[in-house]
Amino acid sequence: MANFKKKPTVKELANVAMEHNKQIAEMGNAINQAFSVIRQLDAIVGMYVDFKHDGPKFNEFIEEKQEEMRKLNDAKANAEADKPNLQGDTDGESSGSEGVREKE
């Protein structure tokens, strides 16, 4: 007798869909928790800067670091655009053909 897979039933499809929805909900909860932690860290850093009375100095430092990161990202983006052709010399070759190179 031939071994073949039967089509999934409506109940099986519904179970898969419910499981998928559960996983998406869990991911949403994890993202919300991470966002909450980030907000708390932001508040703590803000309180520390206020405590040290270094607000303007801290803002200057952050702006300098952001500018450095922008320059680094721009340099990376420019380097990626200028990648060399890694295939080497392909003159005289067609796709799928062999032995077409010109002899030197």
PDB file of N, CA and C in Angstrom:
ATOM      1  N   MET A   1       0.839  -1.170   0.000  1.00  0.00           N
ATOM      2  CA  MET A   1       0.000   0.000   0.000  1.00  0.00           C
ATOM      3  C   MET A   1       0.897   1.251   0.000  1.00  0.00           C
ATOM      4  N   ALA A   2       0.536   2.239  -0.745  1.00  0.00           N
ATOM      5  CA  ALA A   2       1.322   3.465  -0.845  1.00  0.00           C
ATOM      6  C   ALA A   2       1.238   4.259   0.447  1.00  0.00           C
ATOM      7  N   ASN A   3       2.384   4.799   0.830  1.00  0.00           N
ATOM      8  CA  ASN A   3       2.450   5.606   2.053  1.00  0.00           C
ATOM      9  C   ASN A   3       2.326   7.076   1.652  1.00  0.00           C
ATOM     10  N   PHE A   4       1.225   7.673   1.929  1.00  0.00           N
ATOM     11  CA  PHE A   4       1.037   9.084   1.588  1.00  0.00           C
ATOM     12  C   PHE A   4       0.469   9.833   2.790  1.00  0.00           C
ATOM     13  N   LYS A   5       0.724  11.126   2.802  1.00  0.00           N
ATOM     14  CA  LYS A   5       0.261  11.958   3.914  1.00  0.00           C
ATOM     15  C   LYS A   5      -1.118  12.491   3.581  1.00  0.00           C
ATOM     16  N   LYS A   6      -2.011  12.305   4.507  1.00  0.00           N
ATOM     17  CA  LYS A   6      -3.363  12.819   4.301  1.00  0.00           C
ATOM     18  C   LYS A   6      -3.397  14.319   4.583  1.00  0.00           C
ATOM     19  N   LYS A   7      -4.380  14.968   4.079  1.00  0.00           N
ATOM     20  CA  LYS A   7      -4.546  16.396   4.329  1.00  0.00           C
ATOM     21  C   LYS A   7      -4.865  16.607   5.803  1.00  0.00           C
ATOM     22  N   PRO A   8      -4.385  17.719   6.375  1.00  0.00           N
ATOM     23  CA  PRO A   8      -4.710  17.986   7.780  1.00  0.00           C
ATOM     24  C   PRO A   8      -6.199  18.295   7.936  1.00  0.00           C
ATOM     25  N   THR A   9      -6.722  17.888   9.064  1.00  0.00           N
ATOM     26  CA  THR A   9      -8.135  18.160   9.343  1.00  0.00           C
ATOM     27  C   THR A   9      -8.289  19.602   9.804  1.00  0.00           C
ATOM     28  N   VAL A  10      -9.516  20.058   9.845  1.00  0.00           N
ATOM     29  CA  VAL A  10      -9.806  21.412  10.305  1.00  0.00           C
ATOM     30  C   VAL A  10      -9.362  21.566  11.762  1.00  0.00           C
ATOM     31  N   LYS A  11      -9.569  20.518  12.555  1.00  0.00           N
ATOM     32  CA  LYS A  11      -9.172  20.564  13.965  1.00  0.00           C
ATOM     33  C   LYS A  11      -7.651  20.698  14.098  1.00  0.00           C
ATOM     34  N   GLU A  12      -6.899  19.963  13.274  1.00  0.00           N
ATOM     35  CA  GLU A  12      -5.438  20.070  13.310  1.00  0.00           C
ATOM     36  C   GLU A  12      -4.982  21.468  12.899  1.00  0.00           C
ATOM     37  N   LEU A  13      -5.593  22.012  11.872  1.00  0.00           N
ATOM     38  CA  LEU A  13      -5.248  23.375  11.441  1.00  0.00           C
ATOM     39  C   LEU A  13      -5.579  24.393  12.526  1.00  0.00           C
ATOM     40  N   ALA A  14      -6.725  24.208  13.193  1.00  0.00           N
ATOM     41  CA  ALA A  14      -7.113  25.124  14.267  1.00  0.00           C
ATOM     42  C   ALA A  14      -6.109  25.039  15.419  1.00  0.00           C
ATOM     43  N   ASN A  15      -5.631  23.828  15.748  1.00  0.00           N
ATOM     44  CA  ASN A  15      -4.644  23.665  16.817  1.00  0.00           C
ATOM     45  C   ASN A  15      -3.326  24.359  16.460  1.00  0.00           C
ATOM     46  N   VAL A  16      -2.914  24.234  15.225  1.00  0.00           N
ATOM     47  CA  VAL A  16      -1.682  24.895  14.780  1.00  0.00           C
ATOM     48  C   VAL A  16      -1.840  26.411  14.869  1.00  0.00           C
ATOM     49  N   ALA A  17      -2.984  26.910  14.433  1.00  0.00           N
ATOM     50  CA  ALA A  17      -3.233  28.355  14.477  1.00  0.00           C
ATOM     51  C   ALA A  17      -3.252  28.857  15.916  1.00  0.00           C
ATOM     52  N   MET A  18      -3.880  28.114  16.825  1.00  0.00           N
ATOM     53  CA  MET A  18      -3.923  28.527  18.231  1.00  0.00           C
ATOM     54  C   MET A  18      -2.522  28.514  18.837  1.00  0.00           C
ATOM     55  N   GLU A  19      -1.728  27.511  18.503  1.00  0.00           N
ATOM     56  CA  GLU A  19      -0.358  27.430  19.012  1.00  0.00           C
ATOM     57  C   GLU A  19       0.471  28.607  18.498  1.00  0.00           C
ATOM     58  N   HIS A  20       0.267  28.939  17.240  1.00  0.00           N
ATOM     59  CA  HIS A  20       0.970  30.084  16.636  1.00  0.00           C
ATOM     60  C   HIS A  20       0.583  31.380  17.340  1.00  0.00           C
ATOM     61  N   ASN A  21      -0.702  31.550  17.612  1.00  0.00           N
ATOM     62  CA  ASN A  21      -1.168  32.752  18.308  1.00  0.00           C
ATOM     63  C   ASN A  21      -0.588  32.835  19.711  1.00  0.00           C
ATOM     64  N   LYS A  22      -0.469  31.693  20.398  1.00  0.00           N
ATOM     65  CA  LYS A  22       0.134  31.678  21.737  1.00  0.00           C
ATOM     66  C   LYS A  22       1.580  32.153  21.681  1.00  0.00           C
ATOM     67  N   GLN A  23       2.328  31.646  20.689  1.00  0.00           N
ATOM     68  CA  GLN A  23       3.730  32.037  20.561  1.00  0.00           C
ATOM     69  C   GLN A  23       3.871  33.522  20.267  1.00  0.00           C
ATOM     70  N   ILE A  24       3.002  34.049  19.430  1.00  0.00           N
ATOM     71  CA  ILE A  24       3.039  35.485  19.121  1.00  0.00           C
ATOM     72  C   ILE A  24       2.717  36.301  20.366  1.00  0.00           C
ATOM     73  N   ALA A  25       1.744  35.869  21.147  1.00  0.00           N
ATOM     74  CA  ALA A  25       1.395  36.572  22.385  1.00  0.00           C
ATOM     75  C   ALA A  25       2.567  36.546  23.367  1.00  0.00           C
ATOM     76  N   GLU A  26       3.250  35.407  23.473  1.00  0.00           N
ATOM     77  CA  GLU A  26       4.407  35.312  24.363  1.00  0.00           C
ATOM     78  C   GLU A  26       5.519  36.249  23.913  1.00  0.00           C
ATOM     79  N   MET A  27       5.737  36.336  22.602  1.00  0.00           N
ATOM     80  CA  MET A  27       6.754  37.259  22.086  1.00  0.00           C
ATOM     81  C   MET A  27       6.372  38.701  22.400  1.00  0.00           C
ATOM     82  N   GLY A  28       5.105  39.033  22.265  1.00  0.00           N
ATOM     83  CA  GLY A  28       4.634  40.382  22.590  1.00  0.00           C
ATOM     84  C   GLY A  28       4.865  40.704  24.053  1.00  0.00           C
ATOM     85  N   ASN A  29       4.591  39.732  24.933  1.00  0.00           N
ATOM     86  CA  ASN A  29       4.833  39.948  26.363  1.00  0.00           C
ATOM     87  C   ASN A  29       6.318  40.167  26.643  1.00  0.00           C
ATOM     88  N   ALA A  30       7.172  39.390  25.996  1.00  0.00           N
ATOM     89  CA  ALA A  30       8.615  39.541  26.199  1.00  0.00           C
ATOM     90  C   ALA A  30       9.090  40.912  25.721  1.00  0.00           C
ATOM     91  N   ILE A  31       8.554  41.377  24.602  1.00  0.00           N
ATOM     92  CA  ILE A  31       8.920  42.701  24.084  1.00  0.00           C
ATOM     93  C   ILE A  31       8.458  43.789  25.045  1.00  0.00           C
ATOM     94  N   ASN A  32       7.259  43.651  25.584  1.00  0.00           N
ATOM     95  CA  ASN A  32       6.751  44.629  26.547  1.00  0.00           C
ATOM     96  C   ASN A  32       7.616  44.665  27.807  1.00  0.00           C
ATOM     97  N   GLN A  33       8.036  43.496  28.284  1.00  0.00           N
ATOM     98  CA  GLN A  33       8.901  43.447  29.463  1.00  0.00           C
ATOM     99  C   GLN A  33      10.248  44.110  29.175  1.00  0.00           C
ATOM    100  N   ALA A  34      10.814  43.845  27.997  1.00  0.00           N
ATOM    101  CA  ALA A  34      12.090  44.467  27.632  1.00  0.00           C
ATOM    102  C   ALA A  34      11.937  45.982  27.550  1.00  0.00           C
ATOM    103  N   PHE A  35      10.839  46.437  26.975  1.00  0.00           N
ATOM    104  CA  PHE A  35      10.582  47.877  26.876  1.00  0.00           C
ATOM    105  C   PHE A  35      10.475  48.498  28.265  1.00  0.00           C
ATOM    106  N   SER A  36       9.831  47.808  29.182  1.00  0.00           N
ATOM    107  CA  SER A  36       9.692  48.296  30.548  1.00  0.00           C
ATOM    108  C   SER A  36      11.059  48.428  31.220  1.00  0.00           C
ATOM    109  N   VAL A  37      11.912  47.434  31.041  1.00  0.00           N
ATOM    110  CA  VAL A  37      13.257  47.487  31.625  1.00  0.00           C
ATOM    111  C   VAL A  37      14.052  48.642  31.029  1.00  0.00           C
ATOM    112  N   ILE A  38      13.922  48.846  29.735  1.00  0.00           N
ATOM    113  CA  ILE A  38      14.641  49.946  29.075  1.00  0.00           C
ATOM    114  C   ILE A  38      14.165  51.287  29.616  1.00  0.00           C
ATOM    115  N   ARG A  39      12.856  51.445  29.790  1.00  0.00           N
ATOM    116  CA  ARG A  39      12.328  52.695  30.358  1.00  0.00           C
ATOM    117  C   ARG A  39      12.873  52.934  31.765  1.00  0.00           C
ATOM    118  N   GLN A  40      12.938  51.868  32.574  1.00  0.00           N
ATOM    119  CA  GLN A  40      13.457  51.995  33.926  1.00  0.00           C
ATOM    120  C   GLN A  40      14.939  52.386  33.907  1.00  0.00           C
ATOM    121  N   LEU A  41      15.706  51.766  33.019  1.00  0.00           N
ATOM    122  CA  LEU A  41      17.132  52.112  32.913  1.00  0.00           C
ATOM    123  C   LEU A  41      17.304  53.563  32.473  1.00  0.00           C
ATOM    124  N   ASP A  42      16.474  54.010  31.537  1.00  0.00           N
ATOM    125  CA  ASP A  42      16.531  55.393  31.090  1.00  0.00           C
ATOM    126  C   ASP A  42      16.258  56.343  32.258  1.00  0.00           C
ATOM    127  N   ALA A  43      15.254  56.015  33.068  1.00  0.00           N
ATOM    128  CA  ALA A  43      14.927  56.855  34.226  1.00  0.00           C
ATOM    129  C   ALA A  43      16.073  56.863  35.227  1.00  0.00           C
ATOM    130  N   ILE A  44      16.692  55.710  35.453  1.00  0.00           N
ATOM    131  CA  ILE A  44      17.801  55.625  36.416  1.00  0.00           C
ATOM    132  C   ILE A  44      18.992  56.448  35.942  1.00  0.00           C
ATOM    133  N   VAL A  45      19.322  56.334  34.650  1.00  0.00           N
ATOM    134  CA  VAL A  45      20.440  57.122  34.117  1.00  0.00           C
ATOM    135  C   VAL A  45      20.125  58.611  34.233  1.00  0.00           C
ATOM    136  N   GLY A  46      18.893  58.992  33.939  1.00  0.00           N
ATOM    137  CA  GLY A  46      18.496  60.398  34.066  1.00  0.00           C
ATOM    138  C   GLY A  46      18.619  60.898  35.490  1.00  0.00           C
ATOM    139  N   MET A  47      18.188  60.072  36.451  1.00  0.00           N
ATOM    140  CA  MET A  47      18.315  60.477  37.861  1.00  0.00           C
ATOM    141  C   MET A  47      19.781  60.606  38.275  1.00  0.00           C
ATOM    142  N   TYR A  48      20.626  59.705  37.779  1.00  0.00           N
ATOM    143  CA  TYR A  48      22.046  59.770  38.119  1.00  0.00           C
ATOM    144  C   TYR A  48      22.691  61.039  37.561  1.00  0.00           C
ATOM    145  N   VAL A  49      22.350  61.363  36.317  1.00  0.00           N
ATOM    146  CA  VAL A  49      22.905  62.582  35.711  1.00  0.00           C
ATOM    147  C   VAL A  49      22.435  63.802  36.484  1.00  0.00           C
ATOM    148  N   ASP A  50      21.164  63.834  36.889  1.00  0.00           N
ATOM    149  CA  ASP A  50      20.653  64.946  37.694  1.00  0.00           C
ATOM    150  C   ASP A  50      21.361  65.003  39.048  1.00  0.00           C
ATOM    151  N   PHE A  51      21.614  63.849  39.625  1.00  0.00           N
ATOM    152  CA  PHE A  51      22.276  63.771  40.924  1.00  0.00           C
ATOM    153  C   PHE A  51      23.696  64.341  40.846  1.00  0.00           C
ATOM    154  N   LYS A  52      24.381  64.065  39.746  1.00  0.00           N
ATOM    155  CA  LYS A  52      25.755  64.534  39.577  1.00  0.00           C
ATOM    156  C   LYS A  52      25.813  65.970  39.046  1.00  0.00           C
ATOM    157  N   HIS A  53      24.691  66.546  38.683  1.00  0.00           N
ATOM    158  CA  HIS A  53      24.623  67.904  38.129  1.00  0.00           C
ATOM    159  C   HIS A  53      25.485  68.034  36.875  1.00  0.00           C
ATOM    160  N   ASP A  54      25.486  66.999  36.050  1.00  0.00           N
ATOM    161  CA  ASP A  54      26.290  66.985  34.824  1.00  0.00           C
ATOM    162  C   ASP A  54      25.423  66.941  33.572  1.00  0.00           C
ATOM    163  N   GLY A  55      24.218  67.462  33.619  1.00  0.00           N
ATOM    164  CA  GLY A  55      23.309  67.385  32.475  1.00  0.00           C
ATOM    165  C   GLY A  55      23.879  67.918  31.182  1.00  0.00           C
ATOM    166  N   PRO A  56      24.337  69.179  31.146  1.00  0.00           N
ATOM    167  CA  PRO A  56      24.874  69.710  29.885  1.00  0.00           C
ATOM    168  C   PRO A  56      26.113  68.948  29.403  1.00  0.00           C
ATOM    169  N   LYS A  57      26.968  68.585  30.340  1.00  0.00           N
ATOM    170  CA  LYS A  57      28.179  67.844  29.978  1.00  0.00           C
ATOM    171  C   LYS A  57      27.808  66.464  29.419  1.00  0.00           C
ATOM    172  N   PHE A  58      26.846  65.813  30.049  1.00  0.00           N
ATOM    173  CA  PHE A  58      26.390  64.501  29.598  1.00  0.00           C
ATOM    174  C   PHE A  58      25.762  64.597  28.217  1.00  0.00           C
ATOM    175  N   ASN A  59      24.927  65.616  27.975  1.00  0.00           N
ATOM    176  CA  ASN A  59      24.307  65.803  26.665  1.00  0.00           C
ATOM    177  C   ASN A  59      25.363  66.010  25.581  1.00  0.00           C
ATOM    178  N   GLU A  60      26.403  66.782  25.913  1.00  0.00           N
ATOM    179  CA  GLU A  60      27.503  67.000  24.972  1.00  0.00           C
ATOM    180  C   GLU A  60      28.187  65.671  24.635  1.00  0.00           C
ATOM    181  N   PHE A  61      28.445  64.877  25.671  1.00  0.00           N
ATOM    182  CA  PHE A  61      29.086  63.575  25.496  1.00  0.00           C
ATOM    183  C   PHE A  61      28.242  62.676  24.595  1.00  0.00           C
ATOM    184  N   ILE A  62      26.938  62.635  24.832  1.00  0.00           N
ATOM    185  CA  ILE A  62      26.036  61.803  24.030  1.00  0.00           C
ATOM    186  C   ILE A  62      26.038  62.254  22.571  1.00  0.00           C
ATOM    187  N   GLU A  63      25.999  63.558  22.340  1.00  0.00           N
ATOM    188  CA  GLU A  63      26.009  64.069  20.969  1.00  0.00           C
ATOM    189  C   GLU A  63      27.298  63.695  20.252  1.00  0.00           C
ATOM    190  N   GLU A  64      28.442  63.770  20.956  1.00  0.00           N
ATOM    191  CA  GLU A  64      29.719  63.388  20.358  1.00  0.00           C
ATOM    192  C   GLU A  64      29.711  61.904  19.983  1.00  0.00           C
ATOM    193  N   LYS A  65      29.224  61.071  20.875  1.00  0.00           N
ATOM    194  CA  LYS A  65      29.187  59.632  20.612  1.00  0.00           C
ATOM    195  C   LYS A  65      28.245  59.307  19.452  1.00  0.00           C
ATOM    196  N   GLN A  66      27.115  59.995  19.377  1.00  0.00           N
ATOM    197  CA  GLN A  66      26.189  59.764  18.272  1.00  0.00           C
ATOM    198  C   GLN A  66      26.840  60.142  16.946  1.00  0.00           C
ATOM    199  N   GLU A  67      27.574  61.246  16.931  1.00  0.00           N
ATOM    200  CA  GLU A  67      28.249  61.672  15.711  1.00  0.00           C
ATOM    201  C   GLU A  67      29.312  60.643  15.303  1.00  0.00           C
ATOM    202  N   GLU A  68      30.053  60.110  16.277  1.00  0.00           N
ATOM    203  CA  GLU A  68      31.043  59.070  15.980  1.00  0.00           C
ATOM    204  C   GLU A  68      30.370  57.838  15.392  1.00  0.00           C
ATOM    205  N   MET A  69      29.238  57.456  15.965  1.00  0.00           N
ATOM    206  CA  MET A  69      28.520  56.279  15.469  1.00  0.00           C
ATOM    207  C   MET A  69      27.985  56.517  14.057  1.00  0.00           C
ATOM    208  N   ARG A  70      27.499  57.742  13.782  1.00  0.00           N
ATOM    209  CA  ARG A  70      27.024  58.070  12.437  1.00  0.00           C
ATOM    210  C   ARG A  70      28.152  57.953  11.425  1.00  0.00           C
ATOM    211  N   LYS A  71      29.321  58.501  11.784  1.00  0.00           N
ATOM    212  CA  LYS A  71      30.476  58.442  10.874  1.00  0.00           C
ATOM    213  C   LYS A  71      30.896  56.996  10.637  1.00  0.00           C
ATOM    214  N   LEU A  72      30.898  56.188  11.688  1.00  0.00           N
ATOM    215  CA  LEU A  72      31.266  54.783  11.561  1.00  0.00           C
ATOM    216  C   LEU A  72      30.269  54.042  10.667  1.00  0.00           C
ATOM    217  N   ASN A  73      28.986  54.306  10.864  1.00  0.00           N
ATOM    218  CA  ASN A  73      27.959  53.665  10.036  1.00  0.00           C
ATOM    219  C   ASN A  73      28.063  54.104   8.580  1.00  0.00           C
ATOM    220  N   ASP A  74      28.344  55.396   8.356  1.00  0.00           N
ATOM    221  CA  ASP A  74      28.513  55.888   6.989  1.00  0.00           C
ATOM    222  C   ASP A  74      29.712  55.226   6.330  1.00  0.00           C
ATOM    223  N   ALA A  75      30.802  55.071   7.084  1.00  0.00           N
ATOM    224  CA  ALA A  75      31.997  54.436   6.539  1.00  0.00           C
ATOM    225  C   ALA A  75      31.723  52.982   6.183  1.00  0.00           C
ATOM    226  N   LYS A  76      30.978  52.291   7.042  1.00  0.00           N
ATOM    227  CA  LYS A  76      30.629  50.895   6.750  1.00  0.00           C
ATOM    228  C   LYS A  76      29.743  50.808   5.520  1.00  0.00           C
ATOM    229  N   ALA A  77      28.776  51.705   5.407  1.00  0.00           N
ATOM    230  CA  ALA A  77      27.869  51.692   4.259  1.00  0.00           C
ATOM    231  C   ALA A  77      28.640  51.960   2.970  1.00  0.00           C
ATOM    232  N   ASN A  78      29.586  52.890   3.010  1.00  0.00           N
ATOM    233  CA  ASN A  78      30.385  53.195   1.829  1.00  0.00           C
ATOM    234  C   ASN A  78      31.295  52.027   1.469  1.00  0.00           C
ATOM    235  N   ALA A  79      31.840  51.354   2.454  1.00  0.00           N
ATOM    236  CA  ALA A  79      32.729  50.221   2.194  1.00  0.00           C
ATOM    237  C   ALA A  79      31.956  49.074   1.562  1.00  0.00           C
ATOM    238  N   GLU A  80      30.727  48.839   1.989  1.00  0.00           N
ATOM    239  CA  GLU A  80      29.926  47.764   1.426  1.00  0.00           C
ATOM    240  C   GLU A  80      29.585  48.038  -0.036  1.00  0.00           C
ATOM    241  N   ALA A  81      29.398  49.285  -0.381  1.00  0.00           N
ATOM    242  CA  ALA A  81      29.060  49.627  -1.757  1.00  0.00           C
ATOM    243  C   ALA A  81      30.257  49.433  -2.685  1.00  0.00           C
ATOM    244  N   ASP A  82      31.465  49.478  -2.135  1.00  0.00           N
ATOM    245  CA  ASP A  82      32.668  49.390  -2.949  1.00  0.00           C
ATOM    246  C   ASP A  82      33.326  48.018  -2.915  1.00  0.00           C
ATOM    247  N   LYS A  83      32.579  46.964  -2.581  1.00  0.00           N
ATOM    248  CA  LYS A  83      33.169  45.630  -2.519  1.00  0.00           C
ATOM    249  C   LYS A  83      33.664  45.225  -3.900  1.00  0.00           C
ATOM    250  N   PRO A  84      34.822  44.586  -3.951  1.00  0.00           N
ATOM    251  CA  PRO A  84      35.350  44.170  -5.254  1.00  0.00           C
ATOM    252  C   PRO A  84      34.593  42.964  -5.801  1.00  0.00           C
ATOM    253  N   ASN A  85      34.766  42.743  -7.087  1.00  0.00           N
ATOM    254  CA  ASN A  85      34.175  41.582  -7.727  1.00  0.00           C
ATOM    255  C   ASN A  85      35.005  40.371  -7.331  1.00  0.00           C
ATOM    256  N   LEU A  86      34.429  39.450  -6.580  1.00  0.00           N
ATOM    257  CA  LEU A  86      35.173  38.311  -6.060  1.00  0.00           C
ATOM    258  C   LEU A  86      35.221  37.141  -7.043  1.00  0.00           C
ATOM    259  N   GLN A  87      34.602  37.272  -8.197  1.00  0.00           N
ATOM    260  CA  GLN A  87      34.586  36.175  -9.150  1.00  0.00           C
ATOM    261  C   GLN A  87      35.848  36.121  -9.987  1.00  0.00           C
ATOM    262  N   GLY A  88      36.647  37.137  -9.949  1.00  0.00           N
ATOM    263  CA  GLY A  88      37.880  37.132 -10.737  1.00  0.00           C
ATOM    264  C   GLY A  88      37.613  37.464 -12.188  1.00  0.00           C
ATOM    265  N   ASP A  89      38.507  36.993 -13.048  1.00  0.00           N
ATOM    266  CA  ASP A  89      38.428  37.283 -14.475  1.00  0.00           C
ATOM    267  C   ASP A  89      37.419  36.353 -15.135  1.00  0.00           C
ATOM    268  N   THR A  90      36.320  36.897 -15.600  1.00  0.00           N
ATOM    269  CA  THR A  90      35.287  36.079 -16.235  1.00  0.00           C
ATOM    270  C   THR A  90      35.125  36.436 -17.707  1.00  0.00           C
ATOM    271  N   ASP A  91      36.098  37.154 -18.281  1.00  0.00           N
ATOM    272  CA  ASP A  91      36.004  37.508 -19.695  1.00  0.00           C
ATOM    273  C   ASP A  91      36.062  36.249 -20.542  1.00  0.00           C
ATOM    274  N   GLY A  92      35.252  36.156 -21.542  1.00  0.00           N
ATOM    275  CA  GLY A  92      35.254  35.038 -22.460  1.00  0.00           C
ATOM    276  C   GLY A  92      34.495  33.827 -21.947  1.00  0.00           C
ATOM    277  N   GLU A  93      33.768  33.944 -20.863  1.00  0.00           N
ATOM    278  CA  GLU A  93      32.998  32.821 -20.334  1.00  0.00           C
ATOM    279  C   GLU A  93      31.519  33.098 -20.479  1.00  0.00           C
ATOM    280  N   SER A  94      30.795  32.069 -20.773  1.00  0.00           N
ATOM    281  CA  SER A  94      29.335  32.154 -20.797  1.00  0.00           C
ATOM    282  C   SER A  94      28.822  31.281 -19.680  1.00  0.00           C
ATOM    283  N   SER A  95      27.612  31.552 -19.227  1.00  0.00           N
ATOM    284  CA  SER A  95      27.088  30.726 -18.152  1.00  0.00           C
ATOM    285  C   SER A  95      26.810  29.333 -18.691  1.00  0.00           C
ATOM    286  N   GLY A  96      27.239  28.349 -17.937  1.00  0.00           N
ATOM    287  CA  GLY A  96      26.984  26.969 -18.296  1.00  0.00           C
ATOM    288  C   GLY A  96      27.951  26.386 -19.297  1.00  0.00           C
ATOM    289  N   SER A  97      28.906  27.124 -19.781  1.00  0.00           N
ATOM    290  CA  SER A  97      29.846  26.574 -20.752  1.00  0.00           C
ATOM    291  C   SER A  97      31.191  26.309 -20.105  1.00  0.00           C
ATOM    292  N   GLU A  98      31.901  25.354 -20.639  1.00  0.00           N
ATOM    293  CA  GLU A  98      33.216  25.008 -20.092  1.00  0.00           C
ATOM    294  C   GLU A  98      34.267  25.184 -21.171  1.00  0.00           C
ATOM    295  N   GLY A  99      35.465  25.530 -20.766  1.00  0.00           N
ATOM    296  CA  GLY A  99      36.591  25.595 -21.693  1.00  0.00           C
ATOM    297  C   GLY A  99      36.472  26.700 -22.724  1.00  0.00           C
ATOM    298  N   VAL A 100      35.880  27.805 -22.376  1.00  0.00           N
ATOM    299  CA  VAL A 100      35.692  28.884 -23.332  1.00  0.00           C
ATOM    300  C   VAL A 100      36.741  29.981 -23.149  1.00  0.00           C
ATOM    301  N   ARG A 101      37.530  29.896 -22.083  1.00  0.00           N
ATOM    302  CA  ARG A 101      38.515  30.944 -21.845  1.00  0.00           C
ATOM    303  C   ARG A 101      39.529  31.033 -22.980  1.00  0.00           C
ATOM    304  N   GLU A 102      39.905  32.248 -23.239  1.00  0.00           N
ATOM    305  CA  GLU A 102      40.918  32.463 -24.266  1.00  0.00           C
ATOM    306  C   GLU A 102      42.270  32.054 -23.713  1.00  0.00           C
ATOM    307  N   LYS A 103      43.042  31.383 -24.511  1.00  0.00           N
ATOM    308  CA  LYS A 103      44.378  30.958 -24.075  1.00  0.00           C
ATOM    309  C   LYS A 103      45.333  32.123 -24.206  1.00  0.00           C
ATOM    310  N   GLU A 104      46.214  32.220 -23.237  1.00  0.00           N
ATOM    311  CA  GLU A 104      47.161  33.344 -23.256  1.00  0.00           C
ATOM    312  C   GLU A 104      48.448  32.960 -23.906  1.00  0.00           C
TER     313      GLU A 104
END
